[in-house]
All heavy atoms as atom14 arrays in JSON, in Angstrom:
{
  "sequence": "ASVDHCTHLSDADIDALAASETVATLLPGAEFSTRSPYPDARRLLDA",
  "atom14_mask": [
    [1, 1, 1, 1, 1, 0, 0, 0, 0, 0, 0, 0, 0, 0],
    [1, 1, 1, 1, 1, 1, 0, 0, 0, 0, 0, 0, 0, 0],
    [1, 1, 1, 1, 1, 1, 1, 0, 0, 0, 0, 0, 0, 0],
    [1, 1, 1, 1, 1, 1, 1, 1, 0, 0, 0, 0, 0, 0],
    [1, 1, 1, 1, 1, 1, 1, 1, 1, 1, 0, 0, 0, 0],
    [1, 1, 1, 1, 1, 1, 0, 0, 0, 0, 0, 0, 0, 0],
    [1, 1, 1, 1, 1, 1, 1, 0, 0, 0, 0, 0, 0, 0],
    [1, 1, 1, 1, 1, 1, 1, 1, 1, 1, 0, 0, 0, 0],
    [1, 1, 1, 1, 1, 1, 1, 1, 0, 0, 0, 0, 0, 0],
    [1, 1, 1, 1, 1, 1, 0, 0, 0, 0, 0, 0, 0, 0],
    [1, 1, 1, 1, 1, 1, 1, 1, 0, 0, 0, 0, 0, 0],
    [1, 1, 1, 1, 1, 0, 0, 0, 0, 0, 0, 0, 0, 0],
    [1, 1, 1, 1, 1, 1, 1, 1, 0, 0, 0, 0, 0, 0],
    [1, 1, 1, 1, 1, 1, 1, 1, 0, 0, 0, 0, 0, 0],
    [1, 1, 1, 1, 1, 1, 1, 1, 0, 0, 0, 0, 0, 0],
    [1, 1, 1, 1, 1, 0, 0, 0, 0, 0, 0, 0, 0, 0],
    [1, 1, 1, 1, 1, 1, 1, 1, 0, 0, 0, 0, 0, 0],
    [1, 1, 1, 1, 1, 0, 0, 0, 0, 0, 0, 0, 0, 0],
    [1, 1, 1, 1, 1, 0, 0, 0, 0, 0, 0, 0, 0, 0],
    [1, 1, 1, 1, 1, 1, 0, 0, 0, 0, 0, 0, 0, 0],
    [1, 1, 1, 1, 1, 1, 1, 1, 1, 0, 0, 0, 0, 0],
    [1, 1, 1, 1, 1, 1, 1, 0, 0, 0, 0, 0, 0, 0],
    [1, 1, 1, 1, 1, 1, 1, 0, 0, 0, 0, 0, 0, 0],
    [1, 1, 1, 1, 1, 0, 0, 0, 0, 0, 0, 0, 0, 0],
    [1, 1, 1, 1, 1, 1, 1, 0, 0, 0, 0, 0, 0, 0],
    [1, 1, 1, 1, 1, 1, 1, 1, 0, 0, 0, 0, 0, 0],
    [1, 1, 1, 1, 1, 1, 1, 1, 0, 0, 0, 0, 0, 0],
    [1, 1, 1, 1, 1, 1, 1, 0, 0, 0, 0, 0, 0, 0],
    [1, 1, 1, 1, 0, 0, 0, 0, 0, 0, 0, 0, 0, 0],
    [1, 1, 1, 1, 1, 0, 0, 0, 0, 0, 0, 0, 0, 0],
    [1, 1, 1, 1, 1, 1, 1, 1, 1, 0, 0, 0, 0, 0],
    [1, 1, 1, 1, 1, 1, 1, 1, 1, 1, 1, 0, 0, 0],
    [1, 1, 1, 1, 1, 1, 0, 0, 0, 0, 0, 0, 0, 0],
    [1, 1, 1, 1, 1, 1, 1, 0, 0, 0, 0, 0, 0, 0],
    [1, 1, 1, 1, 1, 1, 1, 1, 1, 1, 1, 0, 0, 0],
    [1, 1, 1, 1, 1, 1, 0, 0, 0, 0, 0, 0, 0, 0],
    [1, 1, 1, 1, 1, 1, 1, 0, 0, 0, 0, 0, 0, 0],
    [1, 1, 1, 1, 1, 1, 1, 1, 1, 1, 1, 1, 0, 0],
    [1, 1, 1, 1, 1, 1, 1, 0, 0, 0, 0, 0, 0, 0],
    [1, 1, 1, 1, 1, 1, 1, 1, 0, 0, 0, 0, 0, 0],
    [1, 1, 1, 1, 1, 0, 0, 0, 0, 0, 0, 0, 0, 0],
    [1, 1, 1, 1, 1, 1, 1, 1, 1, 1, 1, 0, 0, 0],
    [1, 1, 1, 1, 1, 1, 1, 1, 1, 1, 1, 0, 0, 0],
    [1, 1, 1, 1, 1, 1, 1, 1, 0, 0, 0, 0, 0, 0],
    [1, 1, 1, 1, 1, 1, 1, 1, 0, 0, 0, 0, 0, 0],
    [1, 1, 1, 1, 1, 1, 1, 1, 0, 0, 0, 0, 0, 0],
    [1, 1, 1, 1, 1, 0, 0, 0, 0, 0, 0, 0, 0, 0]
  ],
  "atom14_positions": [
    [[3.96, 25.4, 96.19], [2.95, 24.86, 97.14], [1.73, 24.41, 96.39], [1.07, 23.46, 96.82], [2.63, 25.9, 98.18], [0.0, 0.0, 0.0], [0.0, 0.0, 0.0], [0.0, 0.0, 0.0], [0.0, 0.0, 0.0], [0.0, 0.0, 0.0], [0.0, 0.0, 0.0], [0.0, 0.0, 0.0], [0.0, 0.0, 0.0], [0.0, 0.0, 0.0]],
    [[1.34, 25.14, 95.43], [0.15, 24.88, 94.63], [0.22, 25.31, 93.2], [0.86, 26.34, 92.92], [-1.01, 25.59, 95.35], [-2.24, 25.38, 94.69], [0.0, 0.0, 0.0], [0.0, 0.0, 0.0], [0.0, 0.0, 0.0], [0.0, 0.0, 0.0], [0.0, 0.0, 0.0], [0.0, 0.0, 0.0], [0.0, 0.0, 0.0], [0.0, 0.0, 0.0]],
    [[-0.37, 24.51, 92.3], [-0.63, 24.99, 90.96], [-2.17, 25.04, 90.84], [-2.85, 24.08, 91.22], [0.03, 24.14, 89.88], [1.49, 24.26, 89.86], [-0.37, 22.61, 90.05], [0.0, 0.0, 0.0], [0.0, 0.0, 0.0], [0.0, 0.0, 0.0], [0.0, 0.0, 0.0], [0.0, 0.0, 0.0], [0.0, 0.0, 0.0], [0.0, 0.0, 0.0]],
    [[-2.64, 26.13, 90.35], [-4.09, 26.44, 90.41], [-4.75, 26.53, 89.02], [-4.18, 27.07, 88.11], [-4.28, 27.8, 91.16], [-3.74, 27.69, 92.59], [-2.88, 26.84, 92.84], [-4.17, 28.53, 93.41], [0.0, 0.0, 0.0], [0.0, 0.0, 0.0], [0.0, 0.0, 0.0], [0.0, 0.0, 0.0], [0.0, 0.0, 0.0], [0.0, 0.0, 0.0]],
    [[-5.92, 25.99, 88.9], [-6.77, 25.78, 87.81], [-6.68, 24.39, 87.29], [-7.61, 23.63, 87.43], [-6.5, 26.78, 86.68], [-6.94, 28.17, 86.87], [-8.32, 28.55, 86.98], [-6.34, 29.35, 87.19], [-8.44, 29.77, 87.26], [-7.3, 30.31, 87.38], [0.0, 0.0, 0.0], [0.0, 0.0, 0.0], [0.0, 0.0, 0.0], [0.0, 0.0, 0.0]],
    [[-5.54, 23.98, 86.67], [-5.31, 22.53, 86.29], [-6.53, 21.97, 85.48], [-6.95, 20.86, 85.66], [-5.12, 21.71, 87.55], [-3.67, 22.12, 88.46], [0.0, 0.0, 0.0], [0.0, 0.0, 0.0], [0.0, 0.0, 0.0], [0.0, 0.0, 0.0], [0.0, 0.0, 0.0], [0.0, 0.0, 0.0], [0.0, 0.0, 0.0], [0.0, 0.0, 0.0]],
    [[-6.96, 22.77, 84.55], [-8.1, 22.34, 83.71], [-7.67, 21.39, 82.57], [-8.38, 20.42, 82.27], [-8.8, 23.53, 83.14], [-9.07, 24.51, 84.19], [-10.15, 23.16, 82.42], [0.0, 0.0, 0.0], [0.0, 0.0, 0.0], [0.0, 0.0, 0.0], [0.0, 0.0, 0.0], [0.0, 0.0, 0.0], [0.0, 0.0, 0.0], [0.0, 0.0, 0.0]],
    [[-6.54, 21.68, 82.0], [-6.05, 20.93, 80.82], [-4.75, 20.23, 81.18], [-3.65, 20.89, 81.13], [-5.86, 21.88, 79.6], [-7.18, 22.59, 79.19], [-8.04, 21.99, 78.36], [-7.62, 23.77, 79.58], [-9.09, 22.84, 78.21], [-8.84, 23.93, 78.93], [0.0, 0.0, 0.0], [0.0, 0.0, 0.0], [0.0, 0.0, 0.0], [0.0, 0.0, 0.0]],
    [[-4.8, 18.96, 81.58], [-3.65, 18.26, 82.06], [-3.34, 17.06, 81.15], [-4.2, 16.27, 80.78], [-3.83, 17.8, 83.47], [-4.13, 18.88, 84.55], [-4.29, 18.23, 85.89], [-3.04, 19.9, 84.6], [0.0, 0.0, 0.0], [0.0, 0.0, 0.0], [0.0, 0.0, 0.0], [0.0, 0.0, 0.0], [0.0, 0.0, 0.0], [0.0, 0.0, 0.0]],
    [[-2.0, 16.89, 80.95], [-1.52, 15.67, 80.26], [-1.23, 14.6, 81.3], [-1.27, 14.88, 82.52], [-0.29, 15.98, 79.5], [0.82, 16.28, 80.39], [0.0, 0.0, 0.0], [0.0, 0.0, 0.0], [0.0, 0.0, 0.0], [0.0, 0.0, 0.0], [0.0, 0.0, 0.0], [0.0, 0.0, 0.0], [0.0, 0.0, 0.0], [0.0, 0.0, 0.0]],
    [[-1.05, 13.39, 80.87], [-0.66, 12.27, 81.77], [0.63, 12.66, 82.48], [0.8, 12.39, 83.69], [-0.51, 10.98, 81.04], [-1.87, 10.42, 80.58], [-2.91, 10.83, 81.03], [-1.81, 9.48, 79.69], [0.0, 0.0, 0.0], [0.0, 0.0, 0.0], [0.0, 0.0, 0.0], [0.0, 0.0, 0.0], [0.0, 0.0, 0.0], [0.0, 0.0, 0.0]],
    [[1.56, 13.3, 81.8], [2.81, 13.67, 82.41], [2.63, 14.72, 83.52], [3.29, 14.68, 84.54], [3.78, 14.22, 81.35], [0.0, 0.0, 0.0], [0.0, 0.0, 0.0], [0.0, 0.0, 0.0], [0.0, 0.0, 0.0], [0.0, 0.0, 0.0], [0.0, 0.0, 0.0], [0.0, 0.0, 0.0], [0.0, 0.0, 0.0], [0.0, 0.0, 0.0]],
    [[1.64, 15.63, 83.32], [1.39, 16.65, 84.31], [0.85, 15.98, 85.6], [1.31, 16.29, 86.7], [0.31, 17.64, 83.85], [0.76, 18.51, 82.69], [1.95, 18.82, 82.68], [-0.1, 18.95, 81.91], [0.0, 0.0, 0.0], [0.0, 0.0, 0.0], [0.0, 0.0, 0.0], [0.0, 0.0, 0.0], [0.0, 0.0, 0.0], [0.0, 0.0, 0.0]],
    [[-0.01, 14.99, 85.44], [-0.61, 14.33, 86.63], [0.47, 13.46, 87.27], [0.55, 13.43, 88.5], [-1.83, 13.48, 86.15], [-2.97, 14.38, 85.73], [-2.27, 12.53, 87.25], [-4.19, 13.74, 85.22], [0.0, 0.0, 0.0], [0.0, 0.0, 0.0], [0.0, 0.0, 0.0], [0.0, 0.0, 0.0], [0.0, 0.0, 0.0], [0.0, 0.0, 0.0]],
    [[1.26, 12.83, 86.49], [2.34, 12.03, 87.06], [3.34, 12.93, 87.91], [3.74, 12.53, 89.02], [3.18, 11.3, 86.08], [2.39, 10.18, 85.39], [1.38, 9.7, 85.96], [2.85, 9.7, 84.3], [0.0, 0.0, 0.0], [0.0, 0.0, 0.0], [0.0, 0.0, 0.0], [0.0, 0.0, 0.0], [0.0, 0.0, 0.0], [0.0, 0.0, 0.0]],
    [[3.59, 14.06, 87.37], [4.52, 15.02, 88.07], [3.9, 15.5, 89.39], [4.54, 15.51, 90.46], [4.86, 16.17, 87.16], [0.0, 0.0, 0.0], [0.0, 0.0, 0.0], [0.0, 0.0, 0.0], [0.0, 0.0, 0.0], [0.0, 0.0, 0.0], [0.0, 0.0, 0.0], [0.0, 0.0, 0.0], [0.0, 0.0, 0.0], [0.0, 0.0, 0.0]],
    [[2.65, 15.76, 89.35], [1.92, 16.18, 90.54], [1.91, 15.15, 91.6], [2.09, 15.33, 92.81], [0.5, 16.69, 90.23], [0.35, 18.07, 89.53], [-1.03, 18.25, 88.97], [0.66, 19.17, 90.51], [0.0, 0.0, 0.0], [0.0, 0.0, 0.0], [0.0, 0.0, 0.0], [0.0, 0.0, 0.0], [0.0, 0.0, 0.0], [0.0, 0.0, 0.0]],
    [[1.56, 13.9, 91.14], [1.43, 12.78, 92.06], [2.78, 12.46, 92.74], [2.74, 11.95, 93.92], [0.88, 11.6, 91.35], [0.0, 0.0, 0.0], [0.0, 0.0, 0.0], [0.0, 0.0, 0.0], [0.0, 0.0, 0.0], [0.0, 0.0, 0.0], [0.0, 0.0, 0.0], [0.0, 0.0, 0.0], [0.0, 0.0, 0.0], [0.0, 0.0, 0.0]],
    [[3.84, 12.72, 92.08], [5.19, 12.4, 92.68], [5.69, 13.56, 93.46], [6.89, 13.52, 93.99], [6.14, 12.08, 91.54], [0.0, 0.0, 0.0], [0.0, 0.0, 0.0], [0.0, 0.0, 0.0], [0.0, 0.0, 0.0], [0.0, 0.0, 0.0], [0.0, 0.0, 0.0], [0.0, 0.0, 0.0], [0.0, 0.0, 0.0], [0.0, 0.0, 0.0]],
    [[4.92, 14.67, 93.61], [5.48, 15.88, 94.27], [4.57, 16.18, 95.51], [3.6, 15.52, 95.77], [5.45, 17.04, 93.33], [4.11, 17.49, 93.15], [0.0, 0.0, 0.0], [0.0, 0.0, 0.0], [0.0, 0.0, 0.0], [0.0, 0.0, 0.0], [0.0, 0.0, 0.0], [0.0, 0.0, 0.0], [0.0, 0.0, 0.0], [0.0, 0.0, 0.0]],
    [[4.91, 17.25, 96.2], [4.15, 17.79, 97.33], [3.26, 18.91, 96.91], [2.63, 19.61, 97.72], [5.06, 18.18, 98.5], [5.82, 16.96, 99.15], [6.64, 17.33, 100.34], [6.65, 18.56, 100.67], [7.26, 16.48, 100.95], [0.0, 0.0, 0.0], [0.0, 0.0, 0.0], [0.0, 0.0, 0.0], [0.0, 0.0, 0.0], [0.0, 0.0, 0.0]],
    [[3.32, 19.31, 95.6], [2.58, 20.39, 95.06], [1.05, 20.01, 94.99], [0.7, 18.91, 94.51], [3.03, 20.76, 93.67], [4.42, 21.19, 93.79], [2.21, 21.92, 93.1], [0.0, 0.0, 0.0], [0.0, 0.0, 0.0], [0.0, 0.0, 0.0], [0.0, 0.0, 0.0], [0.0, 0.0, 0.0], [0.0, 0.0, 0.0], [0.0, 0.0, 0.0]],
    [[0.24, 20.86, 95.55], [-1.25, 20.66, 95.54], [-1.78, 21.16, 94.21], [-1.42, 22.16, 93.66], [-1.84, 21.42, 96.73], [-3.33, 21.37, 96.7], [-1.32, 20.9, 98.04], [0.0, 0.0, 0.0], [0.0, 0.0, 0.0], [0.0, 0.0, 0.0], [0.0, 0.0, 0.0], [0.0, 0.0, 0.0], [0.0, 0.0, 0.0], [0.0, 0.0, 0.0]],
    [[-2.79, 20.46, 93.73], [-3.58, 20.93, 92.57], [-4.82, 21.63, 93.09], [-5.68, 20.93, 93.69], [-3.97, 19.75, 91.68], [0.0, 0.0, 0.0], [0.0, 0.0, 0.0], [0.0, 0.0, 0.0], [0.0, 0.0, 0.0], [0.0, 0.0, 0.0], [0.0, 0.0, 0.0], [0.0, 0.0, 0.0], [0.0, 0.0, 0.0], [0.0, 0.0, 0.0]],
    [[-4.86, 22.94, 92.93], [-6.08, 23.68, 93.48], [-7.07, 23.9, 92.35], [-6.66, 24.56, 91.29], [-5.59, 25.01, 94.09], [-4.74, 24.74, 95.12], [-6.81, 25.82, 94.55], [0.0, 0.0, 0.0], [0.0, 0.0, 0.0], [0.0, 0.0, 0.0], [0.0, 0.0, 0.0], [0.0, 0.0, 0.0], [0.0, 0.0, 0.0], [0.0, 0.0, 0.0]],
    [[-8.23, 23.39, 92.46], [-9.24, 23.49, 91.43], [-10.23, 24.61, 91.75], [-10.59, 24.82, 92.91], [-9.97, 22.14, 91.23], [-9.05, 20.87, 91.14], [-9.87, 19.66, 90.9], [-8.04, 21.1, 89.98], [0.0, 0.0, 0.0], [0.0, 0.0, 0.0], [0.0, 0.0, 0.0], [0.0, 0.0, 0.0], [0.0, 0.0, 0.0], [0.0, 0.0, 0.0]],
    [[-10.69, 25.31, 90.7], [-11.39, 26.5, 90.87], [-12.71, 26.44, 90.04], [-12.85, 27.1, 88.99], [-10.56, 27.73, 90.42], [-9.24, 27.78, 91.13], [-8.29, 28.83, 90.44], [-9.27, 28.03, 92.6], [0.0, 0.0, 0.0], [0.0, 0.0, 0.0], [0.0, 0.0, 0.0], [0.0, 0.0, 0.0], [0.0, 0.0, 0.0], [0.0, 0.0, 0.0]],
    [[-13.67, 25.66, 90.43], [-14.8, 25.36, 89.59], [-15.68, 26.63, 89.29], [-16.43, 26.66, 88.32], [-15.57, 24.24, 90.27], [-15.18, 24.36, 91.69], [-13.74, 24.78, 91.65], [0.0, 0.0, 0.0], [0.0, 0.0, 0.0], [0.0, 0.0, 0.0], [0.0, 0.0, 0.0], [0.0, 0.0, 0.0], [0.0, 0.0, 0.0], [0.0, 0.0, 0.0]],
    [[-15.61, 27.61, 90.17], [-16.36, 28.84, 89.91], [-15.91, 29.45, 88.58], [-16.72, 30.12, 87.89], [0.0, 0.0, 0.0], [0.0, 0.0, 0.0], [0.0, 0.0, 0.0], [0.0, 0.0, 0.0], [0.0, 0.0, 0.0], [0.0, 0.0, 0.0], [0.0, 0.0, 0.0], [0.0, 0.0, 0.0], [0.0, 0.0, 0.0], [0.0, 0.0, 0.0]],
    [[-14.63, 29.35, 88.19], [-14.12, 29.94, 86.94], [-14.76, 29.19, 85.75], [-15.17, 29.82, 84.79], [-12.63, 29.83, 86.96], [0.0, 0.0, 0.0], [0.0, 0.0, 0.0], [0.0, 0.0, 0.0], [0.0, 0.0, 0.0], [0.0, 0.0, 0.0], [0.0, 0.0, 0.0], [0.0, 0.0, 0.0], [0.0, 0.0, 0.0], [0.0, 0.0, 0.0]],
    [[-14.82, 27.86, 85.84], [-15.42, 27.14, 84.71], [-16.94, 27.44, 84.6], [-17.48, 27.58, 83.54], [-15.25, 25.65, 84.89], [-13.88, 25.18, 84.45], [-12.76, 25.6, 85.39], [-12.92, 25.57, 86.6], [-11.66, 25.99, 84.88], [0.0, 0.0, 0.0], [0.0, 0.0, 0.0], [0.0, 0.0, 0.0], [0.0, 0.0, 0.0], [0.0, 0.0, 0.0]],
    [[-17.65, 27.59, 85.73], [-19.01, 27.95, 85.77], [-19.22, 29.26, 85.09], [-20.11, 29.42, 84.28], [-19.55, 28.0, 87.24], [-20.95, 28.44, 87.35], [-22.02, 27.53, 87.28], [-21.27, 29.79, 87.55], [-23.32, 27.87, 87.37], [-22.64, 30.17, 87.68], [-23.6, 29.19, 87.58], [0.0, 0.0, 0.0], [0.0, 0.0, 0.0], [0.0, 0.0, 0.0]],
    [[-18.41, 30.28, 85.46], [-18.57, 31.63, 84.94], [-18.07, 31.82, 83.55], [-18.51, 32.81, 82.89], [-17.86, 32.58, 85.94], [-18.05, 33.91, 85.53], [0.0, 0.0, 0.0], [0.0, 0.0, 0.0], [0.0, 0.0, 0.0], [0.0, 0.0, 0.0], [0.0, 0.0, 0.0], [0.0, 0.0, 0.0], [0.0, 0.0, 0.0], [0.0, 0.0, 0.0]],
    [[-17.29, 30.98, 83.04], [-16.67, 31.14, 81.67], [-17.24, 30.02, 80.69], [-16.88, 30.04, 79.56], [-15.16, 31.07, 81.67], [-14.73, 29.75, 82.17], [-14.6, 32.18, 82.53], [0.0, 0.0, 0.0], [0.0, 0.0, 0.0], [0.0, 0.0, 0.0], [0.0, 0.0, 0.0], [0.0, 0.0, 0.0], [0.0, 0.0, 0.0], [0.0, 0.0, 0.0]],
    [[-18.14, 29.16, 81.21], [-18.65, 28.14, 80.35], [-17.51, 27.31, 79.71], [-17.49, 26.97, 78.52], [-19.59, 28.63, 79.33], [-20.99, 28.88, 79.83], [-22.02, 29.16, 78.77], [-23.32, 29.33, 79.32], [-24.35, 29.93, 78.68], [-24.14, 30.54, 77.55], [-25.51, 30.0, 79.28], [0.0, 0.0, 0.0], [0.0, 0.0, 0.0], [0.0, 0.0, 0.0]],
    [[-16.49, 26.99, 80.57], [-15.33, 26.23, 80.11], [-15.47, 24.82, 80.63], [-16.2, 24.52, 81.56], [-14.08, 26.86, 80.56], [-14.01, 28.2, 80.1], [0.0, 0.0, 0.0], [0.0, 0.0, 0.0], [0.0, 0.0, 0.0], [0.0, 0.0, 0.0], [0.0, 0.0, 0.0], [0.0, 0.0, 0.0], [0.0, 0.0, 0.0], [0.0, 0.0, 0.0]],
    [[-14.64, 23.92, 80.07], [-14.7, 22.5, 80.64], [-14.15, 22.51, 82.07], [-13.22, 23.22, 82.4], [-13.67, 21.73, 79.7], [-13.61, 22.58, 78.47], [-13.83, 23.99, 78.89], [0.0, 0.0, 0.0], [0.0, 0.0, 0.0], [0.0, 0.0, 0.0], [0.0, 0.0, 0.0], [0.0, 0.0, 0.0], [0.0, 0.0, 0.0], [0.0, 0.0, 0.0]],
    [[-14.75, 21.65, 82.92], [-14.33, 21.59, 84.29], [-13.07, 20.72, 84.41], [-12.92, 19.75, 83.58], [-15.42, 20.99, 85.18], [-16.53, 21.94, 85.42], [-17.66, 21.99, 84.61], [-16.55, 22.76, 86.52], [-18.73, 22.91, 84.81], [-17.55, 23.65, 86.81], [-18.61, 23.73, 85.97], [-19.66, 24.57, 86.21], [0.0, 0.0, 0.0], [0.0, 0.0, 0.0]],
    [[-12.22, 20.93, 85.39], [-11.08, 19.96, 85.63], [-11.65, 18.59, 86.0], [-12.73, 18.49, 86.54], [-10.36, 20.65, 86.77], [-10.83, 22.03, 86.86], [-12.23, 22.04, 86.33], [0.0, 0.0, 0.0], [0.0, 0.0, 0.0], [0.0, 0.0, 0.0], [0.0, 0.0, 0.0], [0.0, 0.0, 0.0], [0.0, 0.0, 0.0], [0.0, 0.0, 0.0]],
    [[-10.85, 17.57, 85.65], [-11.24, 16.25, 85.97], [-10.64, 15.85, 87.34], [-9.49, 15.28, 87.44], [-10.7, 15.31, 84.91], [-11.29, 13.91, 85.07], [-11.83, 13.58, 86.1], [-11.14, 13.07, 84.06], [0.0, 0.0, 0.0], [0.0, 0.0, 0.0], [0.0, 0.0, 0.0], [0.0, 0.0, 0.0], [0.0, 0.0, 0.0], [0.0, 0.0, 0.0]],
    [[-11.32, 16.23, 88.37], [-10.79, 16.0, 89.71], [-10.67, 14.51, 90.0], [-9.72, 14.05, 90.68], [-11.72, 16.61, 90.8], [0.0, 0.0, 0.0], [0.0, 0.0, 0.0], [0.0, 0.0, 0.0], [0.0, 0.0, 0.0], [0.0, 0.0, 0.0], [0.0, 0.0, 0.0], [0.0, 0.0, 0.0], [0.0, 0.0, 0.0], [0.0, 0.0, 0.0]],
    [[-11.55, 13.65, 89.43], [-11.48, 12.23, 89.63], [-10.16, 11.7, 89.16], [-9.51, 10.84, 89.81], [-12.63, 11.57, 88.93], [-12.79, 10.1, 89.05], [-13.43, 9.74, 90.44], [-12.49, 9.52, 91.46], [-12.69, 10.09, 92.75], [-13.8, 10.77, 93.02], [-11.82, 9.83, 93.64], [0.0, 0.0, 0.0], [0.0, 0.0, 0.0], [0.0, 0.0, 0.0]],
    [[-9.72, 12.14, 88.02], [-8.48, 11.69, 87.45], [-7.31, 12.04, 88.37], [-6.39, 11.17, 88.61], [-8.27, 12.31, 86.06], [-7.14, 11.84, 85.27], [-7.19, 12.52, 83.9], [-5.98, 12.4, 83.11], [-5.53, 13.31, 82.25], [-6.22, 14.48, 82.13], [-4.43, 13.1, 81.58], [0.0, 0.0, 0.0], [0.0, 0.0, 0.0], [0.0, 0.0, 0.0]],
    [[-7.31, 13.2, 88.92], [-6.24, 13.63, 89.91], [-6.32, 12.8, 91.14], [-5.23, 12.32, 91.62], [-6.47, 15.13, 90.16], [-6.03, 16.09, 89.0], [-6.67, 17.46, 89.25], [-4.5, 16.2, 88.94], [0.0, 0.0, 0.0], [0.0, 0.0, 0.0], [0.0, 0.0, 0.0], [0.0, 0.0, 0.0], [0.0, 0.0, 0.0], [0.0, 0.0, 0.0]],
    [[-7.46, 12.66, 91.73], [-7.53, 11.97, 92.98], [-7.18, 10.55, 92.85], [-6.49, 9.94, 93.63], [-8.97, 12.06, 93.51], [-9.37, 13.47, 94.05], [-10.88, 13.58, 94.09], [-8.76, 13.79, 95.32], [0.0, 0.0, 0.0], [0.0, 0.0, 0.0], [0.0, 0.0, 0.0], [0.0, 0.0, 0.0], [0.0, 0.0, 0.0], [0.0, 0.0, 0.0]],
    [[-7.58, 9.87, 91.72], [-7.28, 8.51, 91.53], [-5.78, 8.26, 91.37], [-5.25, 7.14, 91.63], [-8.03, 7.91, 90.35], [-9.54, 7.77, 90.61], [-9.89, 7.88, 91.81], [-10.3, 7.55, 89.66], [0.0, 0.0, 0.0], [0.0, 0.0, 0.0], [0.0, 0.0, 0.0], [0.0, 0.0, 0.0], [0.0, 0.0, 0.0], [0.0, 0.0, 0.0]],
    [[-5.07, 9.3, 90.91], [-3.61, 9.25, 90.74], [-2.86, 9.5, 92.0], [-1.62, 9.41, 92.0], [-3.13, 10.15, 89.6], [0.0, 0.0, 0.0], [0.0, 0.0, 0.0], [0.0, 0.0, 0.0], [0.0, 0.0, 0.0], [0.0, 0.0, 0.0], [0.0, 0.0, 0.0], [0.0, 0.0, 0.0], [0.0, 0.0, 0.0], [0.0, 0.0, 0.0]]
  ]
}
């Protein structure tokens, strides 16, 4: 139903998600709290 975090994605990962019913659940509180790179939501949405 969902894959969660999705911070580090390849083009193949995004293509697989776009062709499926699986939701990409993004958790920006984790990146805020760990000073990690944020997921690229724009890339996912545009796909």
